[in-house]
């Protein structure tokens, strides 16, 4: 018996979460991509300390949801796996396009794109593929996609910040040496690297200080 894997296209609906209200007083729009195991509405908690009048936060929701072990009571989500990564990446890119269109995101406000952990890969791919001219790209404790090169960021003229915990259980010294080298190749003098004393967790204070 022959087994064949086929592809189809169809329309799906997905959610995303926002914090605060977009008004004429808004100075910064944040597009923040959560890490594996998060839901977007819970990821927003890390940005509640920002001035609500000046900051509007948009958190997209990874589409692949699953129950988190060992008790399987809580739900988390994942952006991508090794399986069909090209197709899945394109699905994420189109989903982000829809959010940008619906929220009417433009360069009138300071656009800050942040990826945390697994969210770093999708944030970087979106900025490069769509040539997003954000005011700042924050790469927090995650891996840079191997396929990206300096050519993909030739258009990029903003600040890129790589931040990570020195005691991160997923990013040891050897791994961070590789990631730092890759980041320098992509961004050159536009890059700032900020290590902090801590583990694999969102550094709220440091993120807030970046603006």
N, C-alpha and C. Protein backbone atom coordinates (compact mmCIF):
# COMPACT_ATOMS: atom_id res chain seq x y z
N UNK A 1 0.85 -1.20 0.00
CA UNK A 1 0.00 0.00 0.00
C UNK A 1 0.89 1.25 0.00
N UNK A 2 0.52 2.21 -0.84
CA UNK A 2 1.28 3.45 -0.95
C UNK A 2 0.67 4.53 -0.05
N UNK A 3 1.54 5.23 0.67
CA UNK A 3 1.12 6.33 1.52
C UNK A 3 1.56 7.64 0.90
N UNK A 4 0.65 8.60 0.77
CA UNK A 4 0.94 9.89 0.15
C UNK A 4 0.50 11.02 1.07
N UNK A 5 1.39 11.96 1.30
CA UNK A 5 1.04 13.14 2.08
C UNK A 5 0.72 14.28 1.14
N UNK A 6 -0.44 14.87 1.29
CA UNK A 6 -0.90 15.94 0.40
C UNK A 6 -1.11 17.23 1.19
N UNK A 7 -1.21 18.33 0.47
CA UNK A 7 -1.43 19.62 1.10
C UNK A 7 -2.71 20.26 0.56
N UNK A 8 -3.40 20.97 1.43
CA UNK A 8 -4.55 21.78 1.02
C UNK A 8 -4.44 23.14 1.69
N UNK A 9 -5.13 24.11 1.15
CA UNK A 9 -5.21 25.44 1.75
C UNK A 9 -6.63 25.70 2.22
N UNK A 10 -6.75 26.34 3.37
CA UNK A 10 -8.07 26.66 3.89
C UNK A 10 -7.94 27.86 4.82
N UNK A 11 -9.05 28.45 5.17
CA UNK A 11 -9.06 29.64 6.03
C UNK A 11 -9.28 29.23 7.47
N UNK A 12 -8.45 29.76 8.38
CA UNK A 12 -8.65 29.50 9.80
C UNK A 12 -8.78 30.82 10.54
N UNK A 13 -9.23 30.75 11.77
CA UNK A 13 -9.36 31.92 12.64
C UNK A 13 -8.48 31.73 13.85
N UNK A 14 -7.75 32.76 14.21
CA UNK A 14 -6.88 32.71 15.38
C UNK A 14 -7.04 34.00 16.16
N UNK A 15 -6.70 33.97 17.43
CA UNK A 15 -6.82 35.14 18.29
C UNK A 15 -5.46 35.83 18.44
N UNK A 16 -5.47 37.01 19.02
CA UNK A 16 -4.28 37.67 19.52
C UNK A 16 -4.73 38.59 20.65
N UNK A 17 -3.79 39.04 21.46
CA UNK A 17 -4.14 39.83 22.64
C UNK A 17 -3.49 41.20 22.58
N UNK A 18 -4.18 42.19 23.16
CA UNK A 18 -3.62 43.54 23.22
C UNK A 18 -3.71 44.07 24.64
N UNK A 19 -2.86 45.03 24.92
CA UNK A 19 -2.82 45.67 26.24
C UNK A 19 -2.83 47.18 26.03
N UNK A 20 -3.68 47.87 26.75
CA UNK A 20 -3.87 49.32 26.66
C UNK A 20 -4.66 49.69 25.40
N UNK A 21 -4.75 50.97 25.10
CA UNK A 21 -5.54 51.45 23.98
C UNK A 21 -4.68 52.31 23.06
N UNK A 22 -4.82 52.09 21.78
CA UNK A 22 -4.08 52.86 20.80
C UNK A 22 -4.77 54.20 20.58
N UNK A 23 -4.09 55.29 20.94
CA UNK A 23 -4.65 56.64 20.81
C UNK A 23 -3.60 57.57 20.20
N UNK A 24 -3.96 58.83 20.09
CA UNK A 24 -3.02 59.84 19.57
C UNK A 24 -1.86 60.06 20.53
N UNK A 25 -2.05 59.67 21.81
CA UNK A 25 -0.99 59.83 22.80
C UNK A 25 0.00 58.66 22.79
N UNK A 26 -0.34 57.60 22.09
CA UNK A 26 0.54 56.42 22.05
C UNK A 26 1.85 56.77 21.34
N UNK A 27 2.96 56.45 21.98
CA UNK A 27 4.27 56.69 21.39
C UNK A 27 4.89 55.42 20.82
N UNK A 28 4.65 54.29 21.50
CA UNK A 28 5.28 53.03 21.11
C UNK A 28 4.24 51.94 20.89
N UNK A 29 4.37 51.25 19.78
CA UNK A 29 3.58 50.03 19.55
C UNK A 29 4.53 48.85 19.65
N UNK A 30 4.22 47.93 20.55
CA UNK A 30 5.03 46.74 20.76
C UNK A 30 4.37 45.55 20.07
N UNK A 31 5.14 44.81 19.31
CA UNK A 31 4.68 43.54 18.72
C UNK A 31 5.52 42.46 19.36
N UNK A 32 4.93 41.71 20.30
CA UNK A 32 5.72 40.83 21.17
C UNK A 32 5.33 39.37 20.94
N UNK A 33 6.33 38.56 20.59
CA UNK A 33 6.12 37.15 20.25
C UNK A 33 6.56 36.27 21.42
N UNK A 34 5.62 35.57 21.99
CA UNK A 34 5.88 34.79 23.21
C UNK A 34 6.72 33.55 22.94
N UNK A 35 7.19 32.93 24.01
CA UNK A 35 7.96 31.71 23.92
C UNK A 35 7.07 30.47 23.96
N UNK A 36 7.67 29.31 23.82
CA UNK A 36 6.93 28.06 23.82
C UNK A 36 6.30 27.82 25.19
N UNK A 37 5.05 27.39 25.18
CA UNK A 37 4.35 27.10 26.43
C UNK A 37 3.48 28.24 26.91
N UNK A 38 3.53 29.39 26.25
CA UNK A 38 2.74 30.54 26.66
C UNK A 38 1.43 30.62 25.89
N UNK A 39 0.50 31.38 26.44
CA UNK A 39 -0.63 31.92 25.70
C UNK A 39 -0.45 33.43 25.68
N UNK A 40 -0.88 34.07 24.61
CA UNK A 40 -0.59 35.50 24.43
C UNK A 40 -1.15 36.36 25.55
N UNK A 41 -2.33 36.02 26.05
CA UNK A 41 -2.93 36.87 27.07
C UNK A 41 -2.14 36.85 28.37
N UNK A 42 -1.45 35.75 28.65
CA UNK A 42 -0.62 35.68 29.85
C UNK A 42 0.75 36.32 29.62
N UNK A 43 1.22 36.31 28.38
CA UNK A 43 2.50 36.93 28.07
C UNK A 43 2.45 38.44 28.27
N UNK A 44 1.26 39.02 28.16
CA UNK A 44 1.10 40.46 28.31
C UNK A 44 1.48 40.96 29.70
N UNK A 45 1.48 40.08 30.70
CA UNK A 45 1.75 40.52 32.06
C UNK A 45 3.12 41.17 32.21
N UNK A 46 4.05 40.80 31.34
CA UNK A 46 5.40 41.34 31.43
C UNK A 46 5.49 42.79 30.96
N UNK A 47 4.42 43.30 30.39
CA UNK A 47 4.44 44.65 29.83
C UNK A 47 3.47 45.59 30.54
N UNK A 48 2.89 45.12 31.64
CA UNK A 48 1.93 45.94 32.37
C UNK A 48 2.58 47.12 33.09
N UNK A 49 3.88 47.06 33.32
CA UNK A 49 4.57 48.16 33.99
C UNK A 49 4.88 49.33 33.09
N UNK A 50 4.69 49.18 31.79
CA UNK A 50 4.92 50.28 30.87
C UNK A 50 3.80 51.31 30.97
N UNK A 51 4.13 52.55 30.73
CA UNK A 51 3.13 53.63 30.77
C UNK A 51 1.99 53.31 29.81
N UNK A 52 0.77 53.12 30.31
CA UNK A 52 -0.34 52.70 29.44
C UNK A 52 -0.75 53.75 28.42
N UNK A 53 -0.46 55.02 28.68
CA UNK A 53 -0.82 56.06 27.73
C UNK A 53 0.14 56.09 26.54
N UNK A 54 1.38 55.68 26.78
CA UNK A 54 2.40 55.80 25.74
C UNK A 54 2.71 54.49 25.03
N UNK A 55 2.23 53.36 25.59
CA UNK A 55 2.60 52.06 25.04
C UNK A 55 1.37 51.20 24.75
N UNK A 56 1.30 50.71 23.54
CA UNK A 56 0.24 49.79 23.11
C UNK A 56 0.91 48.48 22.72
N UNK A 57 0.49 47.39 23.34
CA UNK A 57 1.17 46.12 23.17
C UNK A 57 0.27 45.14 22.43
N UNK A 58 0.82 44.50 21.42
CA UNK A 58 0.12 43.48 20.64
C UNK A 58 0.88 42.17 20.79
N UNK A 59 0.20 41.14 21.25
CA UNK A 59 0.82 39.83 21.44
C UNK A 59 0.12 38.80 20.55
N UNK A 60 0.72 38.39 19.45
CA UNK A 60 0.14 37.33 18.62
C UNK A 60 0.14 36.00 19.36
N UNK A 61 -0.75 35.13 18.94
CA UNK A 61 -0.91 33.83 19.59
C UNK A 61 -0.45 32.70 18.69
N UNK A 62 0.54 31.93 19.15
CA UNK A 62 0.96 30.75 18.39
C UNK A 62 -0.23 29.82 18.20
N UNK A 63 -0.34 29.24 17.01
CA UNK A 63 -1.54 28.49 16.66
C UNK A 63 -1.56 27.06 17.16
N UNK A 64 -0.38 26.48 17.39
CA UNK A 64 -0.34 25.07 17.81
C UNK A 64 -0.41 24.97 19.32
N UNK A 65 -1.57 24.64 19.84
CA UNK A 65 -1.79 24.58 21.29
C UNK A 65 -1.73 23.13 21.77
N UNK A 66 -1.35 22.98 23.03
CA UNK A 66 -1.24 21.64 23.60
C UNK A 66 -1.37 21.73 25.11
N UNK A 67 -1.72 20.60 25.75
CA UNK A 67 -1.77 20.53 27.21
C UNK A 67 -0.37 20.32 27.76
N UNK A 68 -0.04 21.08 28.80
CA UNK A 68 1.29 21.03 29.39
C UNK A 68 1.33 19.94 30.46
N UNK A 69 2.34 19.06 30.34
CA UNK A 69 2.52 18.01 31.34
C UNK A 69 3.18 18.60 32.59
N UNK A 70 3.15 17.90 33.75
CA UNK A 70 2.67 16.53 33.88
C UNK A 70 1.18 16.41 34.21
N UNK A 71 0.55 17.48 34.63
CA UNK A 71 -0.84 17.38 35.08
C UNK A 71 -1.84 17.64 33.96
N UNK A 72 -1.38 18.21 32.85
CA UNK A 72 -2.23 18.46 31.69
C UNK A 72 -3.45 19.33 32.01
N UNK A 73 -3.26 20.26 32.92
CA UNK A 73 -4.34 21.19 33.27
C UNK A 73 -4.21 22.51 32.53
N UNK A 74 -2.97 22.91 32.25
CA UNK A 74 -2.72 24.20 31.62
C UNK A 74 -2.43 24.01 30.13
N UNK A 75 -2.79 25.03 29.36
CA UNK A 75 -2.60 24.99 27.92
C UNK A 75 -1.46 25.93 27.53
N UNK A 76 -0.57 25.43 26.69
CA UNK A 76 0.50 26.25 26.13
C UNK A 76 0.42 26.20 24.62
N UNK A 77 1.38 26.86 23.97
CA UNK A 77 1.37 26.89 22.51
C UNK A 77 2.79 26.97 21.99
N UNK A 78 2.95 26.56 20.74
CA UNK A 78 4.27 26.54 20.09
C UNK A 78 4.14 27.16 18.70
N UNK A 79 5.18 27.89 18.29
CA UNK A 79 5.16 28.52 16.97
C UNK A 79 5.51 27.53 15.86
N UNK A 80 6.67 26.89 15.97
CA UNK A 80 7.16 26.05 14.89
C UNK A 80 7.86 24.81 15.44
N UNK A 81 7.92 23.78 14.63
CA UNK A 81 8.74 22.60 14.92
C UNK A 81 9.55 22.30 13.65
N UNK A 82 10.29 21.22 13.66
CA UNK A 82 11.03 20.82 12.46
C UNK A 82 10.10 20.33 11.34
N UNK A 83 8.89 19.94 11.70
CA UNK A 83 7.96 19.37 10.74
C UNK A 83 7.37 20.44 9.83
N UNK A 84 7.57 20.29 8.53
CA UNK A 84 7.01 21.21 7.53
C UNK A 84 7.31 22.67 7.88
N UNK A 85 8.55 22.96 8.24
CA UNK A 85 8.86 24.28 8.78
C UNK A 85 8.66 25.40 7.77
N UNK A 86 8.92 25.15 6.50
CA UNK A 86 8.75 26.20 5.50
C UNK A 86 7.28 26.58 5.35
N UNK A 87 6.43 25.57 5.27
CA UNK A 87 5.00 25.82 5.15
C UNK A 87 4.45 26.48 6.42
N UNK A 88 4.86 25.97 7.58
CA UNK A 88 4.36 26.52 8.84
C UNK A 88 4.85 27.96 9.04
N UNK A 89 6.08 28.24 8.62
CA UNK A 89 6.59 29.61 8.72
C UNK A 89 5.76 30.56 7.88
N UNK A 90 5.42 30.13 6.68
CA UNK A 90 4.60 30.98 5.82
C UNK A 90 3.21 31.20 6.41
N UNK A 91 2.67 30.19 7.09
CA UNK A 91 1.39 30.37 7.77
C UNK A 91 1.48 31.43 8.85
N UNK A 92 2.56 31.40 9.62
CA UNK A 92 2.76 32.40 10.67
C UNK A 92 2.92 33.78 10.05
N UNK A 93 3.67 33.89 8.97
CA UNK A 93 3.88 35.18 8.32
C UNK A 93 2.56 35.79 7.85
N UNK A 94 1.70 34.97 7.27
CA UNK A 94 0.40 35.47 6.80
C UNK A 94 -0.49 35.88 7.97
N UNK A 95 -0.39 35.14 9.05
CA UNK A 95 -1.14 35.49 10.27
C UNK A 95 -0.68 36.85 10.80
N UNK A 96 0.63 37.07 10.84
CA UNK A 96 1.16 38.37 11.28
C UNK A 96 0.71 39.48 10.32
N UNK A 97 0.71 39.20 9.03
CA UNK A 97 0.23 40.18 8.06
C UNK A 97 -1.19 40.64 8.41
N UNK A 98 -2.03 39.67 8.78
CA UNK A 98 -3.43 39.98 9.10
C UNK A 98 -3.52 40.89 10.32
N UNK A 99 -2.67 40.63 11.32
CA UNK A 99 -2.67 41.47 12.51
C UNK A 99 -2.22 42.89 12.18
N UNK A 100 -1.14 43.00 11.42
CA UNK A 100 -0.64 44.32 11.03
C UNK A 100 -1.71 45.09 10.26
N UNK A 101 -2.41 44.40 9.37
CA UNK A 101 -3.46 45.06 8.61
C UNK A 101 -4.63 45.46 9.49
N UNK A 102 -5.05 44.56 10.37
CA UNK A 102 -6.21 44.84 11.22
C UNK A 102 -5.92 45.97 12.21
N UNK A 103 -4.70 46.00 12.73
CA UNK A 103 -4.33 47.04 13.71
C UNK A 103 -3.83 48.32 13.02
N UNK A 104 -3.71 48.26 11.71
CA UNK A 104 -3.24 49.41 10.92
C UNK A 104 -1.90 49.93 11.46
N UNK A 105 -0.97 49.00 11.64
CA UNK A 105 0.35 49.35 12.16
C UNK A 105 1.14 50.05 11.05
N UNK A 106 1.70 51.18 11.38
CA UNK A 106 2.51 51.93 10.43
C UNK A 106 3.75 52.45 11.14
N UNK A 107 4.57 53.17 10.42
CA UNK A 107 5.80 53.72 10.99
C UNK A 107 5.57 55.08 11.65
N UNK A 108 4.31 55.49 11.74
CA UNK A 108 4.01 56.76 12.41
C UNK A 108 4.41 56.68 13.88
N UNK A 109 4.15 55.55 14.50
CA UNK A 109 4.55 55.32 15.89
C UNK A 109 5.86 54.52 15.90
N UNK A 110 6.55 54.59 17.02
CA UNK A 110 7.72 53.74 17.20
C UNK A 110 7.26 52.28 17.30
N UNK A 111 7.67 51.46 16.37
CA UNK A 111 7.31 50.04 16.39
C UNK A 111 8.47 49.25 16.99
N UNK A 112 8.21 48.57 18.09
CA UNK A 112 9.21 47.74 18.75
C UNK A 112 8.80 46.29 18.58
N UNK A 113 9.63 45.50 17.94
CA UNK A 113 9.35 44.07 17.74
C UNK A 113 10.22 43.29 18.72
N UNK A 114 9.58 42.45 19.51
CA UNK A 114 10.29 41.65 20.52
C UNK A 114 9.95 40.19 20.36
N UNK A 115 10.97 39.37 20.42
CA UNK A 115 10.78 37.92 20.46
C UNK A 115 11.43 37.38 21.71
N UNK A 116 10.70 36.52 22.40
CA UNK A 116 11.26 35.88 23.60
C UNK A 116 11.34 34.38 23.37
N UNK A 117 12.52 33.79 23.65
CA UNK A 117 12.73 32.35 23.52
C UNK A 117 12.36 31.88 22.11
N UNK A 118 11.40 30.98 21.98
CA UNK A 118 11.01 30.51 20.65
C UNK A 118 10.48 31.64 19.78
N UNK A 119 9.97 32.68 20.41
CA UNK A 119 9.44 33.81 19.66
C UNK A 119 10.49 34.61 18.91
N UNK A 120 11.77 34.44 19.26
CA UNK A 120 12.84 35.14 18.56
C UNK A 120 12.85 34.74 17.09
N UNK A 121 12.71 33.45 16.81
CA UNK A 121 12.82 32.96 15.43
C UNK A 121 11.70 33.52 14.55
N UNK A 122 10.46 33.53 15.03
CA UNK A 122 9.36 34.02 14.20
C UNK A 122 9.41 35.54 14.07
N UNK A 123 9.84 36.23 15.12
CA UNK A 123 9.96 37.69 15.05
C UNK A 123 11.00 38.09 14.02
N UNK A 124 12.17 37.41 14.04
CA UNK A 124 13.23 37.75 13.10
C UNK A 124 12.84 37.40 11.67
N UNK A 125 12.19 36.28 11.49
CA UNK A 125 11.77 35.89 10.14
C UNK A 125 10.76 36.89 9.58
N UNK A 126 9.86 37.36 10.42
CA UNK A 126 8.86 38.31 9.92
C UNK A 126 9.50 39.64 9.55
N UNK A 127 10.35 40.15 10.41
CA UNK A 127 11.02 41.42 10.13
C UNK A 127 11.82 41.34 8.84
N UNK A 128 12.53 40.22 8.64
CA UNK A 128 13.37 40.09 7.45
C UNK A 128 12.54 39.84 6.19
N UNK A 129 11.55 38.94 6.27
CA UNK A 129 10.77 38.60 5.08
C UNK A 129 9.90 39.76 4.61
N UNK A 130 9.35 40.51 5.55
CA UNK A 130 8.47 41.62 5.19
C UNK A 130 9.19 42.96 5.23
N UNK A 131 10.47 42.93 5.52
CA UNK A 131 11.30 44.14 5.60
C UNK A 131 10.62 45.22 6.46
N UNK A 132 10.33 44.83 7.68
CA UNK A 132 9.67 45.71 8.63
C UNK A 132 10.69 46.72 9.17
N UNK A 133 10.41 48.00 8.98
CA UNK A 133 11.30 49.04 9.48
C UNK A 133 10.84 49.44 10.89
N UNK A 134 11.13 48.59 11.84
CA UNK A 134 10.79 48.90 13.22
C UNK A 134 11.85 49.83 13.81
N UNK A 135 11.54 50.44 14.94
CA UNK A 135 12.52 51.31 15.59
C UNK A 135 13.49 50.52 16.45
N UNK A 136 13.08 49.31 16.84
CA UNK A 136 13.95 48.46 17.63
C UNK A 136 13.51 47.00 17.51
N UNK A 137 14.49 46.11 17.41
CA UNK A 137 14.25 44.67 17.38
C UNK A 137 14.94 44.06 18.59
N UNK A 138 14.16 43.46 19.48
CA UNK A 138 14.69 42.91 20.72
C UNK A 138 14.65 41.38 20.65
N UNK A 139 15.82 40.77 20.79
CA UNK A 139 15.96 39.32 20.73
C UNK A 139 16.28 38.83 22.14
N UNK A 140 15.30 38.26 22.80
CA UNK A 140 15.42 37.92 24.22
C UNK A 140 15.49 36.41 24.40
N UNK A 141 16.70 35.92 24.73
CA UNK A 141 16.89 34.52 25.16
C UNK A 141 16.37 33.50 24.16
N UNK A 142 16.71 33.70 22.89
CA UNK A 142 16.27 32.75 21.87
C UNK A 142 17.33 32.54 20.81
N UNK A 143 17.06 31.61 19.91
CA UNK A 143 18.01 31.27 18.85
C UNK A 143 17.69 31.98 17.55
N UNK A 144 18.73 32.40 16.85
CA UNK A 144 18.59 33.05 15.56
C UNK A 144 18.45 31.99 14.47
N UNK A 145 17.45 32.10 13.59
CA UNK A 145 17.29 31.11 12.52
C UNK A 145 18.55 30.98 11.67
N UNK A 146 18.95 29.75 11.41
CA UNK A 146 20.21 29.50 10.71
C UNK A 146 20.19 30.00 9.27
N UNK A 147 19.00 30.06 8.66
CA UNK A 147 18.96 30.42 7.25
C UNK A 147 19.13 31.92 7.00
N UNK A 148 19.00 32.73 8.05
CA UNK A 148 19.11 34.18 7.88
C UNK A 148 20.56 34.60 7.69
N UNK A 149 20.77 35.58 6.82
CA UNK A 149 22.12 36.10 6.56
C UNK A 149 22.09 37.62 6.58
N UNK A 150 23.26 38.22 6.50
CA UNK A 150 23.37 39.68 6.53
C UNK A 150 22.56 40.30 5.39
N UNK A 151 22.47 39.60 4.27
CA UNK A 151 21.71 40.12 3.12
C UNK A 151 20.24 40.32 3.47
N UNK A 152 19.70 39.47 4.34
CA UNK A 152 18.29 39.57 4.73
C UNK A 152 18.01 40.82 5.54
N UNK A 153 19.04 41.43 6.11
CA UNK A 153 18.86 42.62 6.94
C UNK A 153 19.59 43.83 6.38
N UNK A 154 19.89 43.82 5.09
CA UNK A 154 20.52 44.98 4.47
C UNK A 154 19.62 46.21 4.56
N UNK A 155 18.32 46.01 4.53
CA UNK A 155 17.35 47.11 4.61
C UNK A 155 17.25 47.69 6.01
N UNK A 156 17.67 46.95 7.01
CA UNK A 156 17.40 47.26 8.42
C UNK A 156 18.31 48.39 8.89
N UNK A 157 17.73 49.48 9.37
CA UNK A 157 18.53 50.61 9.81
C UNK A 157 18.23 51.04 11.24
N UNK A 158 17.66 50.12 12.01
CA UNK A 158 17.29 50.42 13.39
C UNK A 158 18.23 49.72 14.36
N UNK A 159 17.87 49.75 15.62
CA UNK A 159 18.67 49.14 16.67
C UNK A 159 18.22 47.70 16.91
N UNK A 160 19.17 46.80 17.04
CA UNK A 160 18.89 45.41 17.42
C UNK A 160 19.55 45.15 18.77
N UNK A 161 18.81 44.52 19.67
CA UNK A 161 19.34 44.25 21.01
C UNK A 161 19.21 42.77 21.32
N UNK A 162 20.31 42.16 21.65
CA UNK A 162 20.34 40.75 22.04
C UNK A 162 20.54 40.67 23.55
N UNK A 163 19.56 40.12 24.26
CA UNK A 163 19.67 40.01 25.72
C UNK A 163 19.47 38.56 26.14
N UNK A 164 20.21 38.15 27.18
CA UNK A 164 20.11 36.77 27.64
C UNK A 164 20.62 36.67 29.07
N UNK A 165 20.17 35.66 29.78
CA UNK A 165 20.63 35.40 31.14
C UNK A 165 21.90 34.58 31.15
N UNK A 166 22.84 34.96 31.99
CA UNK A 166 24.11 34.24 32.04
C UNK A 166 23.97 32.86 32.66
N UNK A 167 22.85 32.59 33.31
CA UNK A 167 22.60 31.27 33.89
C UNK A 167 21.44 30.56 33.19
N UNK A 168 21.20 30.93 31.95
CA UNK A 168 20.12 30.33 31.18
C UNK A 168 20.41 28.85 30.95
N UNK A 169 19.49 27.99 31.38
CA UNK A 169 19.70 26.55 31.27
C UNK A 169 19.61 26.04 29.84
N UNK A 170 19.08 26.86 28.93
CA UNK A 170 18.96 26.45 27.53
C UNK A 170 20.04 27.07 26.65
N UNK A 171 20.70 28.10 27.15
CA UNK A 171 21.70 28.82 26.36
C UNK A 171 23.00 28.91 27.15
N UNK A 172 23.85 27.89 26.99
CA UNK A 172 25.12 27.90 27.72
C UNK A 172 26.12 28.84 27.03
N UNK A 173 27.31 28.95 27.59
CA UNK A 173 28.30 29.90 27.08
C UNK A 173 28.65 29.63 25.62
N UNK A 174 28.83 28.35 25.27
CA UNK A 174 29.18 28.00 23.90
C UNK A 174 28.06 28.40 22.93
N UNK A 175 26.82 28.14 23.33
CA UNK A 175 25.68 28.48 22.46
C UNK A 175 25.58 30.00 22.30
N UNK A 176 25.76 30.74 23.39
CA UNK A 176 25.63 32.18 23.30
C UNK A 176 26.78 32.81 22.52
N UNK A 177 27.92 32.17 22.53
CA UNK A 177 29.03 32.65 21.71
C UNK A 177 28.66 32.54 20.23
N UNK A 178 28.01 31.43 19.87
CA UNK A 178 27.55 31.24 18.50
C UNK A 178 26.46 32.25 18.14
N UNK A 179 25.49 32.41 19.05
CA UNK A 179 24.38 33.33 18.78
C UNK A 179 24.88 34.77 18.67
N UNK A 180 25.81 35.15 19.51
CA UNK A 180 26.35 36.52 19.48
C UNK A 180 27.11 36.76 18.18
N UNK A 181 27.87 35.77 17.75
CA UNK A 181 28.61 35.88 16.49
C UNK A 181 27.65 36.03 15.32
N UNK A 182 26.60 35.23 15.31
CA UNK A 182 25.60 35.30 14.25
C UNK A 182 24.91 36.66 14.25
N UNK A 183 24.57 37.16 15.43
CA UNK A 183 23.90 38.46 15.53
C UNK A 183 24.79 39.58 15.01
N UNK A 184 26.08 39.51 15.31
CA UNK A 184 27.01 40.54 14.80
C UNK A 184 27.11 40.49 13.28
N UNK A 185 27.05 39.29 12.72
CA UNK A 185 27.10 39.15 11.27
C UNK A 185 25.86 39.78 10.63
N UNK A 186 24.73 39.68 11.30
CA UNK A 186 23.47 40.19 10.75
C UNK A 186 23.35 41.70 10.90
N UNK A 187 23.77 42.24 12.06
CA UNK A 187 23.45 43.63 12.39
C UNK A 187 24.65 44.56 12.52
N UNK A 188 25.86 44.01 12.61
CA UNK A 188 27.08 44.82 12.71
C UNK A 188 26.98 45.85 13.83
N UNK A 189 27.21 47.12 13.50
CA UNK A 189 27.24 48.16 14.54
C UNK A 189 25.86 48.57 15.03
N UNK A 190 24.81 48.00 14.45
CA UNK A 190 23.45 48.29 14.93
C UNK A 190 23.09 47.43 16.15
N UNK A 191 23.96 46.49 16.49
CA UNK A 191 23.67 45.51 17.54
C UNK A 191 24.24 45.94 18.89
N UNK A 192 23.43 45.73 19.93
CA UNK A 192 23.87 45.84 21.31
C UNK A 192 23.58 44.51 22.01
N UNK A 193 24.58 43.96 22.69
CA UNK A 193 24.42 42.70 23.42
C UNK A 193 24.42 43.00 24.91
N UNK A 194 23.36 42.56 25.60
CA UNK A 194 23.21 42.84 27.02
C UNK A 194 22.97 41.54 27.78
N UNK A 195 24.00 40.96 28.38
CA UNK A 195 23.79 39.81 29.27
C UNK A 195 23.32 40.30 30.63
N UNK A 196 22.53 39.47 31.31
CA UNK A 196 22.10 39.81 32.66
C UNK A 196 22.25 38.58 33.54
N UNK A 197 22.38 38.80 34.81
CA UNK A 197 22.51 37.69 35.75
C UNK A 197 21.14 37.10 35.99
N UNK A 198 20.89 35.92 35.45
CA UNK A 198 19.58 35.32 35.60
C UNK A 198 19.44 34.07 34.76
N UNK A 199 18.28 33.44 34.86
CA UNK A 199 17.99 32.19 34.16
C UNK A 199 17.12 32.47 32.94
N UNK A 200 16.48 31.42 32.41
CA UNK A 200 15.64 31.55 31.22
C UNK A 200 14.27 32.10 31.64
N UNK A 201 14.21 33.41 31.74
CA UNK A 201 12.96 34.06 32.12
C UNK A 201 12.96 35.47 31.54
N UNK A 202 11.77 36.04 31.41
CA UNK A 202 11.64 37.38 30.87
C UNK A 202 12.18 38.39 31.87
N UNK A 203 13.10 39.22 31.43
CA UNK A 203 13.68 40.25 32.29
C UNK A 203 12.89 41.54 32.08
N UNK A 204 11.90 41.73 32.91
CA UNK A 204 10.97 42.85 32.76
C UNK A 204 11.70 44.19 32.90
N UNK A 205 12.51 44.32 33.91
CA UNK A 205 13.20 45.58 34.16
C UNK A 205 14.07 45.98 32.99
N UNK A 206 14.79 45.03 32.45
CA UNK A 206 15.68 45.31 31.33
C UNK A 206 14.90 45.71 30.10
N UNK A 207 13.82 45.03 29.82
CA UNK A 207 12.99 45.37 28.66
C UNK A 207 12.46 46.80 28.78
N UNK A 208 11.98 47.15 29.96
CA UNK A 208 11.43 48.49 30.18
C UNK A 208 12.49 49.55 30.01
N UNK A 209 13.71 49.24 30.39
CA UNK A 209 14.80 50.23 30.29
C UNK A 209 15.25 50.46 28.85
N UNK A 210 14.90 49.55 27.94
CA UNK A 210 15.34 49.69 26.56
C UNK A 210 14.65 50.83 25.83
N UNK A 211 13.56 51.36 26.41
CA UNK A 211 12.90 52.52 25.78
C UNK A 211 13.14 53.76 26.61
